[in-house]
Amino acid sequence: MPFERARALLTLGRRLHRARKRAEARDLLRQALDGFERVGALPWVAQAESEFRAAGGRRRPAAPDDSLTTQELRVAAAVARGAANREIAAELFLTLKTVEFHLRQIYRKLGVRSRSQLVATLASNPALLTRTPDSPEREVPGLQLGD
């Protein structure tokens, strides 16, 4: 019963983390994360990964299917052309905090740690700024073109 074992490991890891036994918690949370990934329980993977990072676990490299969202593509393109965060926020009608959030997600997904690394990565691989056919635009409920 791998799913139940992973759930028990997650629960115990959470308790240890809250009891300030972070090293022990990380080990159990990593095992739980691996167990959920093996059985394909994606919502549980997200929970275990979040708890693992909160306990000080190192982030894993992005999965190959972890492509940028439409908004992340817009933010990345603006960074590539040299726009500052405030300029990006004004241009895309976002808050500064939202732009910063998207940048963190972009850094994580592309495996970069700084704005200069991001610009260099985008310059060396411009295909990153294009959507792939298997990553469709996200629809906004109730909004149709022409409204």
C-alpha atoms as a PDB file:
ATOM      1  CA  MET A   1       0.000   0.000   0.000  1.00  0.00           C
ATOM      2  CA  PRO A   2       2.475   2.640  -1.204  1.00  0.00           C
ATOM      3  CA  PHE A   3      -0.032   5.511  -1.145  1.00  0.00           C
ATOM      4  CA  GLU A   4      -0.969   4.911   2.498  1.00  0.00           C
ATOM      5  CA  ARG A   5       2.696   4.584   3.437  1.00  0.00           C
ATOM      6  CA  ALA A   6       3.482   7.901   1.728  1.00  0.00           C
ATOM      7  CA  ARG A   7       0.562   9.563   3.529  1.00  0.00           C
ATOM      8  CA  ALA A   8       1.795   8.268   6.883  1.00  0.00           C
ATOM      9  CA  LEU A   9       5.319   9.513   6.107  1.00  0.00           C
ATOM     10  CA  LEU A  10       3.938  12.926   5.171  1.00  0.00           C
ATOM     11  CA  THR A  11       1.979  13.177   8.416  1.00  0.00           C
ATOM     12  CA  LEU A  12       4.938  12.095  10.538  1.00  0.00           C
ATOM     13  CA  GLY A  13       7.250  14.443   8.628  1.00  0.00           C
ATOM     14  CA  ARG A  14       4.892  17.359   9.275  1.00  0.00           C
ATOM     15  CA  ARG A  15       4.780  16.570  12.998  1.00  0.00           C
ATOM     16  CA  LEU A  16       8.568  16.357  13.215  1.00  0.00           C
ATOM     17  CA  HIS A  17       8.927  19.627  11.329  1.00  0.00           C
ATOM     18  CA  ARG A  18       6.587  21.373  13.745  1.00  0.00           C
ATOM     19  CA  ALA A  19       8.522  19.844  16.632  1.00  0.00           C
ATOM     20  CA  ARG A  20      11.640  21.525  15.174  1.00  0.00           C
ATOM     21  CA  LYS A  21      13.296  18.286  14.127  1.00  0.00           C
ATOM     22  CA  ARG A  22      13.897  19.490  10.614  1.00  0.00           C
ATOM     23  CA  ALA A  23      16.612  17.023   9.566  1.00  0.00           C
ATOM     24  CA  GLU A  24      14.485  14.018  10.536  1.00  0.00           C
ATOM     25  CA  ALA A  25      11.430  15.621   8.952  1.00  0.00           C
ATOM     26  CA  ARG A  26      13.229  16.264   5.641  1.00  0.00           C
ATOM     27  CA  ASP A  27      14.180  12.607   5.330  1.00  0.00           C
ATOM     28  CA  LEU A  28      10.603  11.423   5.888  1.00  0.00           C
ATOM     29  CA  LEU A  29       9.120  14.144   3.696  1.00  0.00           C
ATOM     30  CA  ARG A  30      11.510  13.204   0.875  1.00  0.00           C
ATOM     31  CA  GLN A  31      10.388   9.569   1.167  1.00  0.00           C
ATOM     32  CA  ALA A  32       6.737  10.661   1.139  1.00  0.00           C
ATOM     33  CA  LEU A  33       7.352  12.826  -1.906  1.00  0.00           C
ATOM     34  CA  ASP A  34       8.996   9.953  -3.757  1.00  0.00           C
ATOM     35  CA  GLY A  35       6.129   7.632  -2.800  1.00  0.00           C
ATOM     36  CA  PHE A  36       3.466  10.032  -4.073  1.00  0.00           C
ATOM     37  CA  GLU A  37       5.380  10.513  -7.324  1.00  0.00           C
ATOM     38  CA  ARG A  38       5.613   6.737  -7.847  1.00  0.00           C
ATOM     39  CA  VAL A  39       1.832   6.294  -7.543  1.00  0.00           C
ATOM     40  CA  GLY A  40       1.066   9.462  -9.524  1.00  0.00           C
ATOM     41  CA  ALA A  41      -0.832  11.283  -6.760  1.00  0.00           C
ATOM     42  CA  LEU A  42      -0.147  14.792  -8.066  1.00  0.00           C
ATOM     43  CA  PRO A  43      -2.084  16.812  -5.452  1.00  0.00           C
ATOM     44  CA  TRP A  44      -0.244  14.903  -2.739  1.00  0.00           C
ATOM     45  CA  VAL A  45       3.073  15.477  -4.526  1.00  0.00           C
ATOM     46  CA  ALA A  46       2.443  19.217  -4.324  1.00  0.00           C
ATOM     47  CA  GLN A  47       1.681  19.031  -0.597  1.00  0.00           C
ATOM     48  CA  ALA A  48       4.719  16.878   0.162  1.00  0.00           C
ATOM     49  CA  GLU A  49       7.003  19.068  -1.924  1.00  0.00           C
ATOM     50  CA  SER A  50       5.737  22.209  -0.222  1.00  0.00           C
ATOM     51  CA  GLU A  51       6.272  20.715   3.224  1.00  0.00           C
ATOM     52  CA  PHE A  52       9.688  19.377   2.175  1.00  0.00           C
ATOM     53  CA  ARG A  53      10.819  22.851   1.069  1.00  0.00           C
ATOM     54  CA  ALA A  54       9.414  24.401   4.251  1.00  0.00           C
ATOM     55  CA  ALA A  55      11.538  21.978   6.266  1.00  0.00           C
ATOM     56  CA  GLY A  56      14.614  23.193   4.419  1.00  0.00           C
ATOM     57  CA  GLY A  57      14.747  20.605   1.659  1.00  0.00           C
ATOM     58  CA  ARG A  58      16.530  21.555  -1.528  1.00  0.00           C
ATOM     59  CA  ARG A  59      14.394  22.200  -4.539  1.00  0.00           C
ATOM     60  CA  ARG A  60      14.427  19.602  -7.217  1.00  0.00           C
ATOM     61  CA  PRO A  61      15.189  20.485 -10.828  1.00  0.00           C
ATOM     62  CA  ALA A  62      12.152  21.356 -12.883  1.00  0.00           C
ATOM     63  CA  ALA A  63      10.387  18.535 -14.646  1.00  0.00           C
ATOM     64  CA  PRO A  64      10.612  18.527 -18.445  1.00  0.00           C
ATOM     65  CA  ASP A  65       6.869  19.239 -18.750  1.00  0.00           C
ATOM     66  CA  ASP A  66       7.149  22.179 -16.347  1.00  0.00           C
ATOM     67  CA  SER A  67       6.725  24.798 -19.078  1.00  0.00           C
ATOM     68  CA  LEU A  68       6.136  28.499 -18.534  1.00  0.00           C
ATOM     69  CA  THR A  69       2.579  29.785 -18.331  1.00  0.00           C
ATOM     70  CA  THR A  70       1.383  32.534 -20.655  1.00  0.00           C
ATOM     71  CA  GLN A  71       1.872  35.234 -18.029  1.00  0.00           C
ATOM     72  CA  GLU A  72       5.329  33.894 -17.171  1.00  0.00           C
ATOM     73  CA  LEU A  73       6.217  34.054 -20.859  1.00  0.00           C
ATOM     74  CA  ARG A  74       5.144  37.703 -20.961  1.00  0.00           C
ATOM     75  CA  VAL A  75       7.189  38.555 -17.873  1.00  0.00           C
ATOM     76  CA  ALA A  76      10.225  36.648 -19.190  1.00  0.00           C
ATOM     77  CA  ALA A  77      10.020  38.444 -22.544  1.00  0.00           C
ATOM     78  CA  ALA A  78       9.889  41.807 -20.776  1.00  0.00           C
ATOM     79  CA  VAL A  79      12.928  40.890 -18.670  1.00  0.00           C
ATOM     80  CA  ALA A  80      14.765  39.755 -21.799  1.00  0.00           C
ATOM     81  CA  ARG A  81      14.303  43.160 -23.385  1.00  0.00           C
ATOM     82  CA  GLY A  82      15.589  44.884 -20.221  1.00  0.00           C
ATOM     83  CA  ALA A  83      12.445  46.129 -18.504  1.00  0.00           C
ATOM     84  CA  ALA A  84      12.492  46.701 -14.743  1.00  0.00           C
ATOM     85  CA  ASN A  85       9.928  45.021 -12.482  1.00  0.00           C
ATOM     86  CA  ARG A  86       7.926  48.242 -12.080  1.00  0.00           C
ATOM     87  CA  GLU A  87       7.832  48.728 -15.856  1.00  0.00           C
ATOM     88  CA  ILE A  88       6.689  45.129 -16.348  1.00  0.00           C
ATOM     89  CA  ALA A  89       3.963  45.588 -13.732  1.00  0.00           C
ATOM     90  CA  ALA A  90       2.674  48.731 -15.430  1.00  0.00           C
ATOM     91  CA  GLU A  91       2.846  47.197 -18.902  1.00  0.00           C
ATOM     92  CA  LEU A  92       0.997  43.988 -17.948  1.00  0.00           C
ATOM     93  CA  PHE A  93      -1.388  45.645 -15.457  1.00  0.00           C
ATOM     94  CA  LEU A  94      -0.043  43.577 -12.557  1.00  0.00           C
ATOM     95  CA  THR A  95       1.098  44.425  -9.078  1.00  0.00           C
ATOM     96  CA  LEU A  96       4.797  44.489  -8.318  1.00  0.00           C
ATOM     97  CA  LYS A  97       4.347  41.485  -6.003  1.00  0.00           C
ATOM     98  CA  THR A  98       2.716  39.506  -8.817  1.00  0.00           C
ATOM     99  CA  VAL A  99       5.619  40.254 -11.158  1.00  0.00           C
ATOM    100  CA  GLU A 100       8.041  39.132  -8.439  1.00  0.00           C
ATOM    101  CA  PHE A 101       6.025  35.929  -7.960  1.00  0.00           C
ATOM    102  CA  HIS A 102       6.136  35.158 -11.683  1.00  0.00           C
ATOM    103  CA  LEU A 103       9.883  35.810 -11.737  1.00  0.00           C
ATOM    104  CA  ARG A 104      10.416  33.335  -8.884  1.00  0.00           C
ATOM    105  CA  GLN A 105       8.434  30.734 -10.806  1.00  0.00           C
ATOM    106  CA  ILE A 106      10.423  31.424 -13.972  1.00  0.00           C
ATOM    107  CA  TYR A 107      13.720  31.122 -12.067  1.00  0.00           C
ATOM    108  CA  ARG A 108      12.609  27.812 -10.570  1.00  0.00           C
ATOM    109  CA  LYS A 109      11.362  26.355 -13.832  1.00  0.00           C
ATOM    110  CA  LEU A 110      14.420  27.388 -15.843  1.00  0.00           C
ATOM    111  CA  GLY A 111      16.895  26.580 -13.076  1.00  0.00           C
ATOM    112  CA  VAL A 112      18.432  30.055 -12.872  1.00  0.00           C
ATOM    113  CA  ARG A 113      19.242  32.116  -9.781  1.00  0.00           C
ATOM    114  CA  SER A 114      19.505  35.688 -11.028  1.00  0.00           C
ATOM    115  CA  ARG A 115      18.097  38.115 -13.537  1.00  0.00           C
ATOM    116  CA  SER A 116      21.371  38.141 -15.495  1.00  0.00           C
ATOM    117  CA  GLN A 117      21.337  34.335 -15.720  1.00  0.00           C
ATOM    118  CA  LEU A 118      17.730  34.511 -16.921  1.00  0.00           C
ATOM    119  CA  VAL A 119      18.614  37.019 -19.648  1.00  0.00           C
ATOM    120  CA  ALA A 120      21.587  34.867 -20.731  1.00  0.00           C
ATOM    121  CA  THR A 121      19.436  31.718 -20.779  1.00  0.00           C
ATOM    122  CA  LEU A 122      16.733  33.410 -22.850  1.00  0.00           C
ATOM    123  CA  ALA A 123      19.325  34.881 -25.236  1.00  0.00           C
ATOM    124  CA  SER A 124      20.956  31.496 -25.796  1.00  0.00           C
ATOM    125  CA  ASN A 125      17.623  29.693 -26.185  1.00  0.00           C
ATOM    126  CA  PRO A 126      14.921  31.978 -27.640  1.00  0.00           C
ATOM    127  CA  ALA A 127      12.616  28.978 -28.093  1.00  0.00           C
ATOM    128  CA  LEU A 128      11.875  29.215 -24.364  1.00  0.00           C
ATOM    129  CA  LEU A 129       9.766  32.289 -25.094  1.00  0.00           C
ATOM    130  CA  THR A 130       7.402  30.435 -27.418  1.00  0.00           C
ATOM    131  CA  ARG A 131       4.462  28.317 -26.389  1.00  0.00           C
ATOM    132  CA  THR A 132       4.480  24.666 -27.293  1.00  0.00           C
ATOM    133  CA  PRO A 133       1.433  23.093 -28.957  1.00  0.00           C
ATOM    134  CA  ASP A 134       0.856  20.840 -25.936  1.00  0.00           C
ATOM    135  CA  SER A 135       0.614  23.788 -23.526  1.00  0.00           C
ATOM    136  CA  PRO A 136      -2.621  25.575 -24.513  1.00  0.00           C
ATOM    137  CA  GLU A 137      -3.647  29.020 -23.407  1.00  0.00           C
ATOM    138  CA  ARG A 138      -5.545  29.027 -20.153  1.00  0.00           C
ATOM    139  CA  GLU A 139      -9.137  30.127 -20.527  1.00  0.00           C
ATOM    140  CA  VAL A 140     -10.696  32.781 -18.356  1.00  0.00           C
ATOM    141  CA  PRO A 141     -14.170  31.610 -17.249  1.00  0.00           C
ATOM    142  CA  GLY A 142     -16.961  33.774 -18.620  1.00  0.00           C
ATOM    143  CA  LEU A 143     -14.679  35.673 -21.001  1.00  0.00           C
ATOM    144  CA  GLN A 144     -14.997  35.194 -24.739  1.00  0.00           C
ATOM    145  CA  LEU A 145     -13.236  36.945 -27.560  1.00  0.00           C
ATOM    146  CA  GLY A 146     -15.269  39.808 -28.886  1.00  0.00           C
ATOM    147  CA  ASP A 147     -16.856  40.718 -25.536  1.00  0.00           C
END
